[in-house]
Structures are given as C-alpha cells and as structure tokens.
N, C-alpha and C. Protein backbone atom coordinates (compact mmCIF):
# COMPACT_ATOMS: atom_id res chain seq x y z
N MET A 1 107.19 86.44 154.11
CA MET A 1 106.67 85.01 153.60
C MET A 1 106.23 85.95 151.71
N SER A 2 106.13 84.80 151.00
CA SER A 2 105.75 85.02 149.65
C SER A 2 104.87 84.18 149.21
N VAL A 3 103.80 84.62 148.07
CA VAL A 3 102.92 83.72 147.58
C VAL A 3 103.60 83.62 146.54
N ASP A 4 103.11 81.87 145.71
CA ASP A 4 103.21 81.41 144.61
C ASP A 4 102.01 81.29 143.86
N THR A 5 102.03 80.54 142.90
CA THR A 5 100.71 80.10 142.01
C THR A 5 100.64 79.19 142.31
N ALA A 6 101.03 78.54 143.04
CA ALA A 6 100.44 76.90 143.71
C ALA A 6 99.62 77.35 144.97
N THR A 7 100.04 78.42 145.36
CA THR A 7 99.49 79.00 146.77
C THR A 7 97.93 79.79 146.45
N VAL A 8 98.19 80.54 145.75
CA VAL A 8 96.96 81.26 144.89
C VAL A 8 96.00 80.25 144.23
N ARG A 9 96.65 78.93 143.58
CA ARG A 9 95.57 78.12 143.11
C ARG A 9 94.90 77.64 144.37
N HIS A 10 95.71 76.82 145.38
CA HIS A 10 95.22 76.29 146.34
C HIS A 10 94.06 77.49 147.30
N VAL A 11 94.25 78.72 147.75
CA VAL A 11 93.65 79.66 148.42
C VAL A 11 91.94 79.53 147.36
N ALA A 12 92.35 79.79 146.37
CA ALA A 12 90.93 79.61 145.33
C ALA A 12 90.31 78.71 145.21
N LYS A 13 90.91 77.39 145.54
CA LYS A 13 90.07 76.27 145.36
C LYS A 13 89.17 76.09 146.89
N LEU A 14 89.85 76.66 147.84
CA LEU A 14 89.22 76.74 149.15
C LEU A 14 88.06 77.84 149.40
N ALA A 15 88.20 78.60 148.28
CA ALA A 15 87.15 79.60 148.34
C ALA A 15 86.01 79.38 147.42
N ARG A 16 86.33 78.21 146.59
CA ARG A 16 85.82 77.71 145.17
C ARG A 16 85.30 79.03 144.52
N LEU A 17 86.57 79.42 143.91
CA LEU A 17 86.86 80.46 143.03
C LEU A 17 87.64 79.89 141.86
N ALA A 18 86.78 79.60 140.72
CA ALA A 18 87.28 79.39 139.14
C ALA A 18 88.62 80.60 138.74
N MET A 19 89.44 80.49 138.62
CA MET A 19 90.69 81.36 138.09
C MET A 19 91.17 80.64 137.13
N SER A 20 91.24 81.61 135.82
CA SER A 20 92.34 81.10 134.86
C SER A 20 93.66 81.39 135.23
N ASP A 21 94.25 80.60 134.35
CA ASP A 21 96.17 80.93 134.49
C ASP A 21 96.23 82.08 134.60
N ALA A 22 96.07 83.33 133.76
CA ALA A 22 96.37 84.61 133.17
C ALA A 22 96.06 85.23 134.53
N GLU A 23 94.52 84.80 135.36
CA GLU A 23 94.06 85.82 137.01
C GLU A 23 95.09 85.36 137.93
N VAL A 24 95.46 84.23 138.10
CA VAL A 24 96.54 83.47 139.08
C VAL A 24 97.54 84.31 138.85
N GLU A 25 98.42 84.24 137.69
CA GLU A 25 99.44 84.71 137.41
C GLU A 25 99.02 86.36 137.66
N ALA A 26 98.12 86.99 137.67
CA ALA A 26 98.18 88.64 138.03
C ALA A 26 97.86 88.84 139.53
N LEU A 27 97.37 87.99 140.08
CA LEU A 27 96.88 88.10 141.89
C LEU A 27 98.56 87.70 142.49
N VAL A 28 99.38 87.04 142.01
CA VAL A 28 100.37 86.59 142.97
C VAL A 28 101.32 88.11 142.96
N PRO A 29 101.49 88.87 141.88
CA PRO A 29 102.01 89.89 142.82
C PRO A 29 101.08 91.16 143.75
N GLU A 30 100.04 91.21 143.58
CA GLU A 30 99.08 91.72 144.37
C GLU A 30 99.26 91.03 145.56
N LEU A 31 99.12 90.17 145.84
CA LEU A 31 98.96 89.29 147.28
C LEU A 31 100.31 89.43 147.50
N ASN A 32 101.28 89.44 147.18
CA ASN A 32 102.80 89.74 147.29
C ASN A 32 103.09 90.78 148.21
N ASN A 33 102.17 91.82 147.38
CA ASN A 33 102.35 94.08 147.81
C ASN A 33 101.49 93.44 149.13
N ILE A 34 99.95 93.07 149.45
CA ILE A 34 99.68 92.76 150.24
C ILE A 34 100.46 92.66 151.55
N LEU A 35 100.93 91.18 151.41
CA LEU A 35 101.57 90.56 152.35
C LEU A 35 103.12 91.74 152.88
N GLY A 36 103.45 92.37 151.42
CA GLY A 36 104.49 93.44 152.19
C GLY A 36 104.14 94.34 153.05
N TRP A 37 102.38 94.87 152.77
CA TRP A 37 102.30 96.06 153.54
C TRP A 37 101.99 95.74 154.81
N VAL A 38 101.52 94.22 155.10
CA VAL A 38 101.43 93.79 156.53
C VAL A 38 102.78 93.54 156.96
N ASP A 39 103.70 93.04 156.77
CA ASP A 39 105.17 93.27 157.13
C ASP A 39 105.50 94.48 157.67
N GLN A 40 105.57 95.11 156.72
CA GLN A 40 105.89 96.57 157.29
C GLN A 40 105.04 97.15 158.64
N LEU A 41 103.61 97.02 158.70
CA LEU A 41 102.71 97.39 159.72
C LEU A 41 103.36 96.46 160.89
N GLY A 42 104.03 95.25 160.81
CA GLY A 42 104.45 94.80 161.95
C GLY A 42 105.48 95.10 162.30
N GLU A 43 106.55 96.06 161.52
CA GLU A 43 107.76 96.75 162.18
C GLU A 43 107.30 97.66 163.13
N VAL A 44 106.21 98.50 163.09
CA VAL A 44 105.68 99.78 163.70
C VAL A 44 105.61 99.51 165.12
N ASP A 45 106.24 100.21 165.96
CA ASP A 45 106.43 100.20 167.71
C ASP A 45 104.93 100.74 168.13
N THR A 46 104.27 99.79 168.73
CA THR A 46 102.92 100.02 169.03
C THR A 46 102.99 99.97 170.66
N SER A 47 103.77 99.82 171.63
CA SER A 47 104.48 99.43 172.55
C SER A 47 103.41 100.29 173.36
N GLY A 48 103.21 101.22 173.14
CA GLY A 48 102.32 102.58 174.12
C GLY A 48 101.23 102.90 173.76
N VAL A 49 100.63 102.03 172.77
CA VAL A 49 99.49 102.10 172.32
C VAL A 49 98.39 101.42 173.06
N GLU A 50 97.10 102.26 173.34
CA GLU A 50 96.11 101.41 173.97
C GLU A 50 95.11 100.71 172.88
N PRO A 51 95.07 99.22 173.02
CA PRO A 51 94.16 98.52 171.86
C PRO A 51 92.63 99.39 171.78
N LEU A 52 92.00 99.77 170.66
CA LEU A 52 90.78 100.28 170.68
C LEU A 52 89.95 99.37 169.65
N ALA A 53 88.77 99.41 170.30
CA ALA A 53 87.69 98.92 169.42
C ALA A 53 87.28 99.78 168.32
N THR A 54 86.98 100.98 168.54
CA THR A 54 86.72 102.20 167.81
C THR A 54 87.79 103.49 168.35
N VAL A 55 87.72 104.17 166.84
CA VAL A 55 88.32 105.34 166.32
C VAL A 55 88.11 106.26 167.80
N ILE A 56 86.59 106.26 167.82
CA ILE A 56 85.79 107.74 168.55
C ILE A 56 85.31 106.80 169.67
N ASP A 57 85.50 107.67 170.86
CA ASP A 57 85.42 107.00 171.79
C ASP A 57 83.66 107.30 172.20
N GLN A 58 83.30 106.29 172.18
CA GLN A 58 81.39 106.48 172.18
C GLN A 58 80.77 105.96 173.46
N LYS A 59 79.49 106.72 173.92
CA LYS A 59 79.09 105.91 175.13
C LYS A 59 77.89 105.71 174.75
N LEU A 60 77.20 104.28 175.17
CA LEU A 60 76.00 104.24 175.32
C LEU A 60 75.01 104.80 176.28
N ARG A 61 74.08 105.41 175.01
CA ARG A 61 73.02 106.10 176.27
C ARG A 61 71.69 105.20 176.63
N LEU A 62 71.96 105.27 178.09
CA LEU A 62 70.86 104.20 178.37
C LEU A 62 69.61 104.91 178.76
N ARG A 63 68.84 104.19 179.33
CA ARG A 63 67.48 104.93 179.82
C ARG A 63 67.23 103.90 180.94
N ASP A 64 66.51 104.24 182.11
CA ASP A 64 66.02 103.39 183.17
C ASP A 64 65.34 102.53 182.22
N ASP A 65 64.89 100.93 182.45
CA ASP A 65 63.87 100.21 181.92
C ASP A 65 62.67 100.01 182.59
N VAL A 66 61.76 100.90 182.69
CA VAL A 66 60.86 101.09 183.47
C VAL A 66 59.37 100.92 182.42
N ILE A 67 58.34 100.62 182.88
CA ILE A 67 57.60 100.41 182.23
C ILE A 67 56.58 101.50 182.51
N ASP A 68 55.98 102.12 181.53
CA ASP A 68 55.12 103.73 181.42
C ASP A 68 54.15 103.14 181.73
N ALA A 69 53.50 103.90 182.85
CA ALA A 69 51.97 103.91 183.38
C ALA A 69 50.91 104.62 182.35
N ASP A 70 51.28 105.33 181.30
CA ASP A 70 50.21 105.55 180.83
C ASP A 70 49.56 104.12 179.64
N PRO A 71 48.28 104.21 179.59
CA PRO A 71 47.69 103.42 179.09
C PRO A 71 48.16 103.32 177.58
N LEU A 72 48.09 104.35 176.98
CA LEU A 72 48.12 104.36 175.93
C LEU A 72 49.54 104.10 175.64
N THR A 73 50.51 104.74 175.80
CA THR A 73 52.18 103.96 175.40
C THR A 73 52.66 103.09 176.37
N GLY A 74 52.11 102.56 177.45
CA GLY A 74 52.88 101.70 178.74
C GLY A 74 52.44 100.42 178.36
N GLY A 75 52.89 99.40 179.23
CA GLY A 75 52.62 98.57 179.52
C GLY A 75 51.23 98.02 180.27
N ASN A 76 51.21 97.18 180.74
CA ASN A 76 49.78 96.39 181.18
C ASN A 76 48.91 96.49 180.81
N VAL A 77 49.15 96.06 179.03
CA VAL A 77 47.55 96.14 177.96
C VAL A 77 47.59 94.74 177.81
N ARG A 78 47.84 93.71 177.99
CA ARG A 78 48.14 92.70 177.54
C ARG A 78 46.67 91.89 177.52
N ASP A 79 45.59 92.47 178.07
CA ASP A 79 44.37 91.77 177.48
C ASP A 79 43.84 92.35 176.25
N LYS A 80 43.89 93.63 176.44
CA LYS A 80 43.70 94.62 175.09
C LYS A 80 44.47 94.03 173.66
N VAL A 81 45.68 93.50 174.08
CA VAL A 81 46.37 93.12 172.81
C VAL A 81 46.26 91.84 172.59
N LEU A 82 45.49 90.79 173.41
CA LEU A 82 45.41 89.37 173.11
C LEU A 82 43.70 89.65 172.90
N ALA A 83 42.90 90.68 172.88
CA ALA A 83 41.78 90.54 172.37
C ALA A 83 42.12 90.76 170.81
N ASN A 84 42.70 91.36 170.09
CA ASN A 84 43.01 91.21 169.08
C ASN A 84 43.41 89.59 167.95
N ALA A 85 44.08 89.14 169.10
CA ALA A 85 44.47 87.64 168.56
C ALA A 85 43.33 86.69 168.23
N PRO A 86 43.78 85.62 167.02
CA PRO A 86 42.77 84.81 166.79
C PRO A 86 42.39 83.87 167.91
N ASP A 87 43.30 83.22 168.54
CA ASP A 87 43.43 82.34 169.47
C ASP A 87 44.42 82.96 170.64
N ALA A 88 44.01 82.83 171.60
CA ALA A 88 45.12 83.20 173.04
C ALA A 88 44.41 82.18 174.28
N GLN A 89 45.50 81.57 174.95
CA GLN A 89 45.61 80.85 175.91
C GLN A 89 46.42 81.14 176.76
N HIS A 90 46.26 81.25 178.46
CA HIS A 90 46.81 81.25 179.57
C HIS A 90 47.77 82.71 179.30
N GLY A 91 47.26 83.60 178.72
CA GLY A 91 47.61 85.22 178.81
C GLY A 91 48.91 84.73 177.48
N PHE A 92 48.78 84.20 176.10
CA PHE A 92 49.86 84.21 175.62
C PHE A 92 49.03 83.90 174.16
N PHE A 93 49.61 84.22 173.16
CA PHE A 93 49.26 83.93 171.70
C PHE A 93 49.55 82.70 171.19
N ALA A 94 48.56 81.62 170.92
CA ALA A 94 48.39 80.62 170.88
C ALA A 94 48.24 80.48 169.58
N VAL A 95 49.43 79.30 168.91
CA VAL A 95 49.80 79.23 167.41
C VAL A 95 49.63 78.13 167.34
N PRO A 96 49.15 77.22 166.27
CA PRO A 96 49.33 75.87 165.95
C PRO A 96 50.67 75.50 165.93
N LYS A 97 50.47 73.71 166.43
CA LYS A 97 51.67 73.73 166.63
C LYS A 97 52.54 72.93 165.19
N VAL A 98 53.53 73.17 164.56
CA VAL A 98 54.20 72.56 163.58
C VAL A 98 55.48 71.66 163.84
N ILE A 99 55.45 70.37 163.05
CA ILE A 99 56.53 69.60 163.43
C ILE A 99 56.74 68.72 161.90
N GLU A 100 57.67 69.12 161.32
CA GLU A 100 57.92 68.25 160.11
C GLU A 100 58.65 67.29 160.26
C-alpha cells in the first residue's frame, strides 16, 4: 500500500488539519516509510509467541476489603461525618436539586 497526495489531503481533512502543498508533499514519503515498516513487521513469524498486554509480568497487589474497627481510621463514623454537613437527610448528604 502506498500513500499519494490525495490520500494525505483526505486524511488531513478528516483530522481537520490545514496543510500547505509543501507539507503534503513532505508527508507523502514519511507515511510511505511508516507503511513500509508496518509491512516489514507483518512478515515476522509470530506463530509461537503468546500475546502480551505488558512486557513485564505484573500482579495486582490486592488486600481484603474489610472495614477497620478503629474509630479514628475505620468505618462506622457516618453520624460524625454527617454532623459536619449543612443538610443531612436519612443518613445521606442532602443537596439542592439542580435541573436546567
């Protein structure tokens, strides 16, 4: 596959890029070089290679999802938190309705 000036102009129009004739002419060989590299990568035999999401094998460090019983750092402090709210109703922050 090769790129010509009409293709570059079409892609520039789709991307809403204003390009001069000189910029279009300069971009044609660059895009053709990129497509050449892509074609070259397509020739590589990858039949025995497993697909990867990352190069490094990473494991997520998860912790148990438990509520800490300590009243300073844990949960169960809803009433103390809502005491600071300007308006609380039924155990939740109450905010004014906004409809536009």
